[in-house]
Amino acid sequence: MSAAVRECCLRREFSVLYPGIEPEVWEIAANVAERVITRRSWAGQDTAVGIPRVLRDEHFDFRGGRRPSRQSLQSRLGEGGGPGAAL
């Protein structure tokens, strides 16, 4: 996997918090974050930009790439950052 692509792996002990995310499997972090945001939106949970990170360091291991800046996240989520915003 290219160093430019950030990957994440859900830690098994937190798998109950992320239904549909397979624990201990490396995936592209942006794809996992999009799935988590979509699930939260369906559940009626807040998906605004001001909330803590979608993929928490305590719950996931990361490799490759680098964390996106807050500015790039806001531009990817759109100004509103609401449930309809694309990631």
PDB file of N, CA and C in Angstrom:
ATOM      1  N   MET A   1       0.853  -1.185   0.000  1.00  0.00           N
ATOM      2  CA  MET A   1       0.000   0.000   0.000  1.00  0.00           C
ATOM      3  C   MET A   1       0.886   1.230   0.000  1.00  0.00           C
ATOM      4  N   SER A   2       0.524   2.221  -0.778  1.00  0.00           N
ATOM      5  CA  SER A   2       1.291   3.458  -0.893  1.00  0.00           C
ATOM      6  C   SER A   2       1.312   4.203   0.433  1.00  0.00           C
ATOM      7  N   ALA A   3       2.445   4.845   0.725  1.00  0.00           N
ATOM      8  CA  ALA A   3       2.561   5.611   1.963  1.00  0.00           C
ATOM      9  C   ALA A   3       1.610   6.799   1.959  1.00  0.00           C
ATOM     10  N   ALA A   4       1.121   7.223   0.791  1.00  0.00           N
ATOM     11  CA  ALA A   4       0.209   8.358   0.703  1.00  0.00           C
ATOM     12  C   ALA A   4      -1.204   7.996   1.141  1.00  0.00           C
ATOM     13  N   VAL A   5      -1.518   6.720   1.201  1.00  0.00           N
ATOM     14  CA  VAL A   5      -2.862   6.290   1.573  1.00  0.00           C
ATOM     15  C   VAL A   5      -2.867   5.922   3.052  1.00  0.00           C
ATOM     16  N   ARG A   6      -3.738   6.580   3.816  1.00  0.00           N
ATOM     17  CA  ARG A   6      -3.844   6.291   5.251  1.00  0.00           C
ATOM     18  C   ARG A   6      -4.803   5.127   5.439  1.00  0.00           C
ATOM     19  N   GLU A   7      -4.371   4.168   6.229  1.00  0.00           N
ATOM     20  CA  GLU A   7      -5.187   3.001   6.523  1.00  0.00           C
ATOM     21  C   GLU A   7      -5.480   2.943   8.017  1.00  0.00           C
ATOM     22  N   CYS A   8      -6.552   2.229   8.345  1.00  0.00           N
ATOM     23  CA  CYS A   8      -6.885   2.034   9.750  1.00  0.00           C
ATOM     24  C   CYS A   8      -7.322   0.593   9.970  1.00  0.00           C
ATOM     25  N   CYS A   9      -7.235   0.191  11.221  1.00  0.00           N
ATOM     26  CA  CYS A   9      -7.609  -1.160  11.624  1.00  0.00           C
ATOM     27  C   CYS A   9      -8.337  -1.032  12.965  1.00  0.00           C
ATOM     28  N   LEU A  10      -9.592  -1.451  13.010  1.00  0.00           N
ATOM     29  CA  LEU A  10     -10.387  -1.381  14.229  1.00  0.00           C
ATOM     30  C   LEU A  10      -9.851  -2.388  15.244  1.00  0.00           C
ATOM     31  N   ARG A  11      -9.635  -1.918  16.446  1.00  0.00           N
ATOM     32  CA  ARG A  11      -9.195  -2.806  17.523  1.00  0.00           C
ATOM     33  C   ARG A  11     -10.385  -3.654  17.973  1.00  0.00           C
ATOM     34  N   ARG A  12     -10.138  -4.935  18.145  1.00  0.00           N
ATOM     35  CA  ARG A  12     -11.206  -5.898  18.455  1.00  0.00           C
ATOM     36  C   ARG A  12     -12.055  -5.476  19.662  1.00  0.00           C
ATOM     37  N   GLU A  13     -11.419  -4.925  20.695  1.00  0.00           N
ATOM     38  CA  GLU A  13     -12.168  -4.598  21.912  1.00  0.00           C
ATOM     39  C   GLU A  13     -13.179  -3.471  21.724  1.00  0.00           C
ATOM     40  N   PHE A  14     -13.105  -2.751  20.582  1.00  0.00           N
ATOM     41  CA  PHE A  14     -14.051  -1.669  20.323  1.00  0.00           C
ATOM     42  C   PHE A  14     -15.018  -2.006  19.194  1.00  0.00           C
ATOM     43  N   SER A  15     -15.010  -3.235  18.727  1.00  0.00           N
ATOM     44  CA  SER A  15     -15.826  -3.614  17.573  1.00  0.00           C
ATOM     45  C   SER A  15     -17.326  -3.431  17.819  1.00  0.00           C
ATOM     46  N   VAL A  16     -17.783  -3.572  19.040  1.00  0.00           N
ATOM     47  CA  VAL A  16     -19.201  -3.405  19.341  1.00  0.00           C
ATOM     48  C   VAL A  16     -19.665  -1.971  19.072  1.00  0.00           C
ATOM     49  N   LEU A  17     -18.762  -1.014  19.108  1.00  0.00           N
ATOM     50  CA  LEU A  17     -19.104   0.393  18.869  1.00  0.00           C
ATOM     51  C   LEU A  17     -19.228   0.727  17.382  1.00  0.00           C
ATOM     52  N   TYR A  18     -18.753  -0.176  16.518  1.00  0.00           N
ATOM     53  CA  TYR A  18     -18.717   0.087  15.078  1.00  0.00           C
ATOM     54  C   TYR A  18     -19.315  -1.080  14.301  1.00  0.00           C
ATOM     55  N   PRO A  19     -20.634  -1.262  14.387  1.00  0.00           N
ATOM     56  CA  PRO A  19     -21.255  -2.366  13.653  1.00  0.00           C
ATOM     57  C   PRO A  19     -20.965  -2.241  12.159  1.00  0.00           C
ATOM     58  N   GLY A  20     -20.644  -3.356  11.543  1.00  0.00           N
ATOM     59  CA  GLY A  20     -20.359  -3.352  10.111  1.00  0.00           C
ATOM     60  C   GLY A  20     -18.906  -3.125   9.757  1.00  0.00           C
ATOM     61  N   ILE A  21     -18.076  -2.767  10.741  1.00  0.00           N
ATOM     62  CA  ILE A  21     -16.635  -2.609  10.513  1.00  0.00           C
ATOM     63  C   ILE A  21     -15.962  -3.862  11.081  1.00  0.00           C
ATOM     64  N   GLU A  22     -15.259  -4.570  10.233  1.00  0.00           N
ATOM     65  CA  GLU A  22     -14.587  -5.804  10.645  1.00  0.00           C
ATOM     66  C   GLU A  22     -13.350  -5.461  11.478  1.00  0.00           C
ATOM     67  N   PRO A  23     -13.244  -5.973  12.706  1.00  0.00           N
ATOM     68  CA  PRO A  23     -12.054  -5.691  13.509  1.00  0.00           C
ATOM     69  C   PRO A  23     -10.822  -6.402  12.947  1.00  0.00           C
ATOM     70  N   GLU A  24      -9.677  -5.802  13.206  1.00  0.00           N
ATOM     71  CA  GLU A  24      -8.366  -6.354  12.847  1.00  0.00           C
ATOM     72  C   GLU A  24      -8.194  -6.570  11.337  1.00  0.00           C
ATOM     73  N   VAL A  25      -8.863  -5.740  10.534  1.00  0.00           N
ATOM     74  CA  VAL A  25      -8.710  -5.769   9.076  1.00  0.00           C
ATOM     75  C   VAL A  25      -8.315  -4.369   8.628  1.00  0.00           C
ATOM     76  N   TRP A  26      -7.198  -4.237   7.916  1.00  0.00           N
ATOM     77  CA  TRP A  26      -6.726  -2.938   7.437  1.00  0.00           C
ATOM     78  C   TRP A  26      -7.565  -2.488   6.253  1.00  0.00           C
ATOM     79  N   GLU A  27      -8.060  -1.250   6.347  1.00  0.00           N
ATOM     80  CA  GLU A  27      -8.865  -0.647   5.294  1.00  0.00           C
ATOM     81  C   GLU A  27      -8.427   0.803   5.106  1.00  0.00           C
ATOM     82  N   ILE A  28      -8.813   1.396   3.984  1.00  0.00           N
ATOM     83  CA  ILE A  28      -8.525   2.809   3.742  1.00  0.00           C
ATOM     84  C   ILE A  28      -9.334   3.622   4.745  1.00  0.00           C
ATOM     85  N   ALA A  29      -8.648   4.455   5.513  1.00  0.00           N
ATOM     86  CA  ALA A  29      -9.283   5.188   6.609  1.00  0.00           C
ATOM     87  C   ALA A  29     -10.422   6.084   6.122  1.00  0.00           C
ATOM     88  N   ALA A  30     -10.271   6.733   4.990  1.00  0.00           N
ATOM     89  CA  ALA A  30     -11.329   7.616   4.479  1.00  0.00           C
ATOM     90  C   ALA A  30     -12.609   6.824   4.199  1.00  0.00           C
ATOM     91  N   ASN A  31     -12.473   5.602   3.699  1.00  0.00           N
ATOM     92  CA  ASN A  31     -13.648   4.768   3.422  1.00  0.00           C
ATOM     93  C   ASN A  31     -14.340   4.362   4.713  1.00  0.00           C
ATOM     94  N   VAL A  32     -13.564   4.004   5.721  1.00  0.00           N
ATOM     95  CA  VAL A  32     -14.134   3.614   7.013  1.00  0.00           C
ATOM     96  C   VAL A  32     -14.830   4.816   7.649  1.00  0.00           C
ATOM     97  N   ALA A  33     -14.193   5.985   7.606  1.00  0.00           N
ATOM     98  CA  ALA A  33     -14.791   7.195   8.177  1.00  0.00           C
ATOM     99  C   ALA A  33     -16.121   7.511   7.498  1.00  0.00           C
ATOM    100  N   GLU A  34     -16.183   7.356   6.197  1.00  0.00           N
ATOM    101  CA  GLU A  34     -17.423   7.614   5.469  1.00  0.00           C
ATOM    102  C   GLU A  34     -18.532   6.660   5.936  1.00  0.00           C
ATOM    103  N   ARG A  35     -18.191   5.395   6.118  1.00  0.00           N
ATOM    104  CA  ARG A  35     -19.183   4.424   6.587  1.00  0.00           C
ATOM    105  C   ARG A  35     -19.662   4.751   7.992  1.00  0.00           C
ATOM    106  N   VAL A  36     -18.736   5.170   8.873  1.00  0.00           N
ATOM    107  CA  VAL A  36     -19.101   5.525  10.245  1.00  0.00           C
ATOM    108  C   VAL A  36     -20.021   6.742  10.239  1.00  0.00           C
ATOM    109  N   ILE A  37     -19.694   7.755   9.447  1.00  0.00           N
ATOM    110  CA  ILE A  37     -20.527   8.957   9.370  1.00  0.00           C
ATOM    111  C   ILE A  37     -21.912   8.614   8.828  1.00  0.00           C
ATOM    112  N   THR A  38     -21.974   7.782   7.805  1.00  0.00           N
ATOM    113  CA  THR A  38     -23.261   7.382   7.222  1.00  0.00           C
ATOM    114  C   THR A  38     -24.112   6.656   8.251  1.00  0.00           C
ATOM    115  N   ARG A  39     -23.506   5.721   8.983  1.00  0.00           N
ATOM    116  CA  ARG A  39     -24.253   4.961  10.002  1.00  0.00           C
ATOM    117  C   ARG A  39     -24.760   5.903  11.090  1.00  0.00           C
ATOM    118  N   ARG A  40     -23.925   6.856  11.527  1.00  0.00           N
ATOM    119  CA  ARG A  40     -24.353   7.810  12.556  1.00  0.00           C
ATOM    120  C   ARG A  40     -25.507   8.667  12.042  1.00  0.00           C
ATOM    121  N   SER A  41     -25.442   9.045  10.795  1.00  0.00           N
ATOM    122  CA  SER A  41     -26.508   9.840  10.186  1.00  0.00           C
ATOM    123  C   SER A  41     -27.823   9.065  10.198  1.00  0.00           C
ATOM    124  N   TRP A  42     -27.775   7.791   9.791  1.00  0.00           N
ATOM    125  CA  TRP A  42     -28.971   6.939   9.795  1.00  0.00           C
ATOM    126  C   TRP A  42     -29.539   6.796  11.205  1.00  0.00           C
ATOM    127  N   ALA A  43     -28.649   6.768  12.189  1.00  0.00           N
ATOM    128  CA  ALA A  43     -29.076   6.590  13.579  1.00  0.00           C
ATOM    129  C   ALA A  43     -29.535   7.909  14.207  1.00  0.00           C
ATOM    130  N   GLY A  44     -29.442   9.008  13.441  1.00  0.00           N
ATOM    131  CA  GLY A  44     -29.853  10.305  13.961  1.00  0.00           C
ATOM    132  C   GLY A  44     -28.842  10.946  14.883  1.00  0.00           C
ATOM    133  N   GLN A  45     -27.596  10.462  14.849  1.00  0.00           N
ATOM    134  CA  GLN A  45     -26.542  11.037  15.680  1.00  0.00           C
ATOM    135  C   GLN A  45     -25.916  12.220  14.956  1.00  0.00           C
ATOM    136  N   ASP A  46     -25.324  13.142  15.719  1.00  0.00           N
ATOM    137  CA  ASP A  46     -24.691  14.331  15.164  1.00  0.00           C
ATOM    138  C   ASP A  46     -23.465  13.944  14.345  1.00  0.00           C
ATOM    139  N   THR A  47     -23.378  14.483  13.123  1.00  0.00           N
ATOM    140  CA  THR A  47     -22.216  14.230  12.268  1.00  0.00           C
ATOM    141  C   THR A  47     -21.516  15.534  11.907  1.00  0.00           C
ATOM    142  N   ALA A  48     -21.724  16.577  12.692  1.00  0.00           N
ATOM    143  CA  ALA A  48     -21.151  17.895  12.397  1.00  0.00           C
ATOM    144  C   ALA A  48     -19.635  17.865  12.488  1.00  0.00           C
ATOM    145  N   VAL A  49     -19.002  18.814  11.804  1.00  0.00           N
ATOM    146  CA  VAL A  49     -17.547  18.902  11.761  1.00  0.00           C
ATOM    147  C   VAL A  49     -16.959  19.148  13.143  1.00  0.00           C
ATOM    148  N   GLY A  50     -17.664  19.828  14.038  1.00  0.00           N
ATOM    149  CA  GLY A  50     -17.133  20.196  15.341  1.00  0.00           C
ATOM    150  C   GLY A  50     -17.005  19.055  16.337  1.00  0.00           C
ATOM    151  N   ILE A  51     -17.483  17.867  16.005  1.00  0.00           N
ATOM    152  CA  ILE A  51     -17.382  16.748  16.936  1.00  0.00           C
ATOM    153  C   ILE A  51     -15.960  16.183  16.933  1.00  0.00           C
ATOM    154  N   PRO A  52     -15.602  15.398  17.952  1.00  0.00           N
ATOM    155  CA  PRO A  52     -14.260  14.788  17.947  1.00  0.00           C
ATOM    156  C   PRO A  52     -14.049  13.923  16.703  1.00  0.00           C
ATOM    157  N   ARG A  53     -12.837  13.551  16.457  1.00  0.00           N
ATOM    158  CA  ARG A  53     -12.499  12.739  15.279  1.00  0.00           C
ATOM    159  C   ARG A  53     -13.438  11.560  15.111  1.00  0.00           C
ATOM    160  N   VAL A  54     -13.764  11.277  13.867  1.00  0.00           N
ATOM    161  CA  VAL A  54     -14.659  10.164  13.549  1.00  0.00           C
ATOM    162  C   VAL A  54     -14.011   8.842  13.935  1.00  0.00           C
ATOM    163  N   LEU A  55     -12.756   8.666  13.571  1.00  0.00           N
ATOM    164  CA  LEU A  55     -12.009   7.442  13.887  1.00  0.00           C
ATOM    165  C   LEU A  55     -11.042   7.768  15.025  1.00  0.00           C
ATOM    166  N   ARG A  56     -11.407   7.388  16.198  1.00  0.00           N
ATOM    167  CA  ARG A  56     -10.625   7.747  17.383  1.00  0.00           C
ATOM    168  C   ARG A  56      -9.351   6.917  17.505  1.00  0.00           C
ATOM    169  N   ASP A  57      -8.283   7.575  17.922  1.00  0.00           N
ATOM    170  CA  ASP A  57      -6.991   6.896  18.108  1.00  0.00           C
ATOM    171  C   ASP A  57      -7.095   5.743  19.099  1.00  0.00           C
ATOM    172  N   GLU A  58      -7.969   5.848  20.073  1.00  0.00           N
ATOM    173  CA  GLU A  58      -8.109   4.799  21.078  1.00  0.00           C
ATOM    174  C   GLU A  58      -8.778   3.557  20.496  1.00  0.00           C
ATOM    175  N   HIS A  59      -9.553   3.724  19.424  1.00  0.00           N
ATOM    176  CA  HIS A  59     -10.339   2.627  18.860  1.00  0.00           C
ATOM    177  C   HIS A  59      -9.697   1.991  17.630  1.00  0.00           C
ATOM    178  N   PHE A  60      -8.815   2.727  16.949  1.00  0.00           N
ATOM    179  CA  PHE A  60      -8.226   2.271  15.701  1.00  0.00           C
ATOM    180  C   PHE A  60      -6.708   2.387  15.737  1.00  0.00           C
ATOM    181  N   ASP A  61      -6.038   1.497  15.018  1.00  0.00           N
ATOM    182  CA  ASP A  61      -4.620   1.647  14.713  1.00  0.00           C
ATOM    183  C   ASP A  61      -4.549   2.249  13.314  1.00  0.00           C
ATOM    184  N   PHE A  62      -3.511   3.048  13.058  1.00  0.00           N
ATOM    185  CA  PHE A  62      -3.351   3.714  11.770  1.00  0.00           C
ATOM    186  C   PHE A  62      -1.974   3.437  11.208  1.00  0.00           C
ATOM    187  N   ARG A  63      -1.880   3.476   9.874  1.00  0.00           N
ATOM    188  CA  ARG A  63      -0.581   3.362   9.211  1.00  0.00           C
ATOM    189  C   ARG A  63      -0.659   4.094   7.872  1.00  0.00           C
ATOM    190  N   GLY A  64       0.513   4.513   7.405  1.00  0.00           N
ATOM    191  CA  GLY A  64       0.617   5.161   6.108  1.00  0.00           C
ATOM    192  C   GLY A  64       0.021   6.548   6.093  1.00  0.00           C
ATOM    193  N   GLY A  65       0.277   7.246   5.000  1.00  0.00           N
ATOM    194  CA  GLY A  65      -0.297   8.569   4.800  1.00  0.00           C
ATOM    195  C   GLY A  65      -0.065   9.483   5.976  1.00  0.00           C
ATOM    196  N   ARG A  66      -0.935  10.448   6.088  1.00  0.00           N
ATOM    197  CA  ARG A  66      -0.908  11.349   7.229  1.00  0.00           C
ATOM    198  C   ARG A  66      -2.326  11.801   7.494  1.00  0.00           C
ATOM    199  N   ARG A  67      -2.539  12.273   8.706  1.00  0.00           N
ATOM    200  CA  ARG A  67      -3.861  12.761   9.070  1.00  0.00           C
ATOM    201  C   ARG A  67      -4.224  13.952   8.202  1.00  0.00           C
ATOM    202  N   PRO A  68      -5.459  13.995   7.682  1.00  0.00           N
ATOM    203  CA  PRO A  68      -5.863  15.183   6.937  1.00  0.00           C
ATOM    204  C   PRO A  68      -5.976  16.374   7.876  1.00  0.00           C
ATOM    205  N   SER A  69      -5.703  17.560   7.345  1.00  0.00           N
ATOM    206  CA  SER A  69      -5.825  18.764   8.156  1.00  0.00           C
ATOM    207  C   SER A  69      -7.292  19.072   8.393  1.00  0.00           C
ATOM    208  N   ARG A  70      -7.581  19.854   9.417  1.00  0.00           N
ATOM    209  CA  ARG A  70      -8.949  20.255   9.717  1.00  0.00           C
ATOM    210  C   ARG A  70      -9.556  20.994   8.517  1.00  0.00           C
ATOM    211  N   GLN A  71      -8.749  21.823   7.844  1.00  0.00           N
ATOM    212  CA  GLN A  71      -9.240  22.586   6.696  1.00  0.00           C
ATOM    213  C   GLN A  71      -9.648  21.647   5.559  1.00  0.00           C
ATOM    214  N   SER A  72      -8.846  20.624   5.274  1.00  0.00           N
ATOM    215  CA  SER A  72      -9.202  19.715   4.191  1.00  0.00           C
ATOM    216  C   SER A  72     -10.436  18.889   4.555  1.00  0.00           C
ATOM    217  N   LEU A  73     -10.597  18.539   5.826  1.00  0.00           N
ATOM    218  CA  LEU A  73     -11.794  17.821   6.246  1.00  0.00           C
ATOM    219  C   LEU A  73     -13.032  18.679   6.058  1.00  0.00           C
ATOM    220  N   GLN A  74     -12.946  19.955   6.423  1.00  0.00           N
ATOM    221  CA  GLN A  74     -14.089  20.844   6.269  1.00  0.00           C
ATOM    222  C   GLN A  74     -14.455  21.003   4.801  1.00  0.00           C
ATOM    223  N   SER A  75     -13.460  21.097   3.925  1.00  0.00           N
ATOM    224  CA  SER A  75     -13.775  21.238   2.512  1.00  0.00           C
ATOM    225  C   SER A  75     -14.369  19.953   1.961  1.00  0.00           C
ATOM    226  N   ARG A  76     -13.922  18.793   2.461  1.00  0.00           N
ATOM    227  CA  ARG A  76     -14.478  17.513   2.005  1.00  0.00           C
ATOM    228  C   ARG A  76     -15.893  17.318   2.523  1.00  0.00           C
ATOM    229  N   LEU A  77     -16.172  17.810   3.739  1.00  0.00           N
ATOM    230  CA  LEU A  77     -17.492  17.622   4.315  1.00  0.00           C
ATOM    231  C   LEU A  77     -18.475  18.712   3.862  1.00  0.00           C
ATOM    232  N   GLY A  78     -17.972  19.801   3.283  1.00  0.00           N
ATOM    233  CA  GLY A  78     -18.836  20.888   2.886  1.00  0.00           C
ATOM    234  C   GLY A  78     -19.027  21.847   4.052  1.00  0.00           C
ATOM    235  N   GLU A  79     -19.546  22.995   3.752  1.00  0.00           N
ATOM    236  CA  GLU A  79     -19.720  24.028   4.778  1.00  0.00           C
ATOM    237  C   GLU A  79     -20.632  23.575   5.914  1.00  0.00           C
ATOM    238  N   GLY A  80     -21.739  22.910   5.572  1.00  0.00           N
ATOM    239  CA  GLY A  80     -22.678  22.507   6.613  1.00  0.00           C
ATOM    240  C   GLY A  80     -22.200  21.316   7.407  1.00  0.00           C
ATOM    241  N   GLY A  81     -21.532  20.388   6.742  1.00  0.00           N
ATOM    242  CA  GLY A  81     -21.040  19.208   7.435  1.00  0.00           C
ATOM    243  C   GLY A  81     -22.145  18.321   7.978  1.00  0.00           C
ATOM    244  N   GLY A  82     -23.370  18.530   7.498  1.00  0.00           N
ATOM    245  CA  GLY A  82     -24.503  17.771   8.011  1.00  0.00           C
ATOM    246  C   GLY A  82     -24.569  16.374   7.416  1.00  0.00           C
ATOM    247  N   PRO A  83     -25.646  15.652   7.718  1.00  0.00           N
ATOM    248  CA  PRO A  83     -25.764  14.265   7.289  1.00  0.00           C
ATOM    249  C   PRO A  83     -25.678  14.065   5.788  1.00  0.00           C
ATOM    250  N   GLY A  84     -26.077  15.063   4.991  1.00  0.00           N
ATOM    251  CA  GLY A  84     -26.039  14.916   3.552  1.00  0.00           C
ATOM    252  C   GLY A  84     -24.693  15.245   2.947  1.00  0.00           C
ATOM    253  N   ALA A  85     -23.754  15.729   3.754  1.00  0.00           N
ATOM    254  CA  ALA A  85     -22.446  16.123   3.226  1.00  0.00           C
ATOM    255  C   ALA A  85     -21.650  14.902   2.813  1.00  0.00           C
ATOM    256  N   ALA A  86     -20.954  15.025   1.712  1.00  0.00           N
ATOM    257  CA  ALA A  86     -20.118  13.919   1.217  1.00  0.00           C
ATOM    258  C   ALA A  86     -18.775  13.952   1.904  1.00  0.00           C
ATOM    259  N   LEU A  87     -18.220  12.770   2.090  1.00  0.00           N
ATOM    260  CA  LEU A  87     -16.876  12.690   2.656  1.00  0.00           C
ATOM    261  C   LEU A  87     -15.899  12.402   1.580  1.00  0.00           C
TER     262      LEU A  87
END
